[in-house]
């Protein structure tokens, strides 16, 4: 995730508590979705779709923070 902006992500993780919180929550959701898809975790389809949507919302919020960072440091 955000491979092209890894340097910015690293800066944000150390400087921005909101970004760090979003990043950590996204990773938890990513692992939960992976476990559900791999059948290591029993989750009904509706709940799984909800987890995927929440993960996408977090990713979009992080992308927005990254774009703001780029504009502020251009």
Protein backbone atom coordinates (compact mmCIF):
# COMPACT_ATOMS: atom_id res chain seq x y z
CA UNK A 1 0.00 0.00 0.00
CA UNK A 2 1.31 3.42 -1.02
CA UNK A 3 4.56 1.90 -2.32
CA UNK A 4 5.32 5.01 -4.39
CA UNK A 5 4.96 7.23 -1.34
CA UNK A 6 6.78 5.11 1.24
CA UNK A 7 9.03 7.96 2.35
CA UNK A 8 5.99 10.17 2.97
CA UNK A 9 4.20 7.33 4.77
CA UNK A 10 7.21 6.86 7.04
CA UNK A 11 7.27 10.58 7.82
CA UNK A 12 3.56 10.64 8.53
CA UNK A 13 3.78 7.58 10.77
CA UNK A 14 6.30 9.36 12.95
CA UNK A 15 4.75 12.85 12.81
CA UNK A 16 0.98 12.44 12.46
CA UNK A 17 -0.93 10.53 15.17
CA UNK A 18 -4.15 10.50 13.14
CA UNK A 19 -2.39 8.95 10.14
CA UNK A 20 -0.66 6.43 12.40
CA UNK A 21 -4.00 5.42 13.95
CA UNK A 22 -5.60 5.01 10.50
CA UNK A 23 -2.60 3.02 9.24
CA UNK A 24 -2.65 0.65 12.21
CA UNK A 25 -6.40 0.12 12.01
CA UNK A 26 -6.13 -0.50 8.25
CA UNK A 27 -3.48 -3.17 8.87
CA UNK A 28 -5.68 -4.90 11.43
CA UNK A 29 -8.59 -4.90 8.99
CA UNK A 30 -6.35 -6.09 6.15
CA UNK A 31 -5.23 -9.06 8.24
CA UNK A 32 -8.79 -9.83 9.34
CA UNK A 33 -10.04 -9.77 5.74
CA UNK A 34 -7.13 -11.98 4.65
CA UNK A 35 -7.86 -14.47 7.42
CA UNK A 36 -11.54 -14.54 6.47
CA UNK A 37 -10.72 -15.03 2.79
CA UNK A 38 -8.25 -17.80 3.66
CA UNK A 39 -10.98 -19.47 5.77
CA UNK A 40 -8.86 -19.09 8.92
CA UNK A 41 -11.56 -16.89 10.43
CA UNK A 42 -15.28 -17.55 10.23
CA UNK A 43 -17.05 -14.37 9.10
CA UNK A 44 -20.39 -14.15 7.33
CA UNK A 45 -20.40 -12.55 3.89
CA UNK A 46 -22.22 -9.39 4.98
CA UNK A 47 -19.74 -8.76 7.80
CA UNK A 48 -16.82 -9.42 5.45
CA UNK A 49 -18.16 -6.87 2.97
CA UNK A 50 -18.48 -4.36 5.82
CA UNK A 51 -14.87 -4.97 6.84
CA UNK A 52 -13.73 -4.47 3.24
CA UNK A 53 -15.66 -1.21 2.96
CA UNK A 54 -14.23 0.07 6.24
CA UNK A 55 -10.71 -0.86 5.08
CA UNK A 56 -11.25 1.03 1.82
CA UNK A 57 -12.55 4.11 3.66
CA UNK A 58 -9.42 4.12 5.84
CA UNK A 59 -7.21 3.77 2.77
CA UNK A 60 -8.99 6.69 1.10
CA UNK A 61 -8.51 8.84 4.22
CA UNK A 62 -4.81 7.98 4.34
CA UNK A 63 -4.47 8.78 0.62
CA UNK A 64 -6.03 12.17 1.28
CA UNK A 65 -3.56 12.87 4.10
CA UNK A 66 -0.69 11.86 1.80
CA UNK A 67 -1.93 14.21 -0.93
CA UNK A 68 -2.22 17.05 1.58
CA UNK A 69 1.33 16.30 2.74
CA UNK A 70 2.58 16.44 -0.86
CA UNK A 71 0.92 19.80 -1.45
CA UNK A 72 2.21 21.23 1.83
CA UNK A 73 5.79 20.08 1.15
CA UNK A 74 6.03 20.81 -2.57
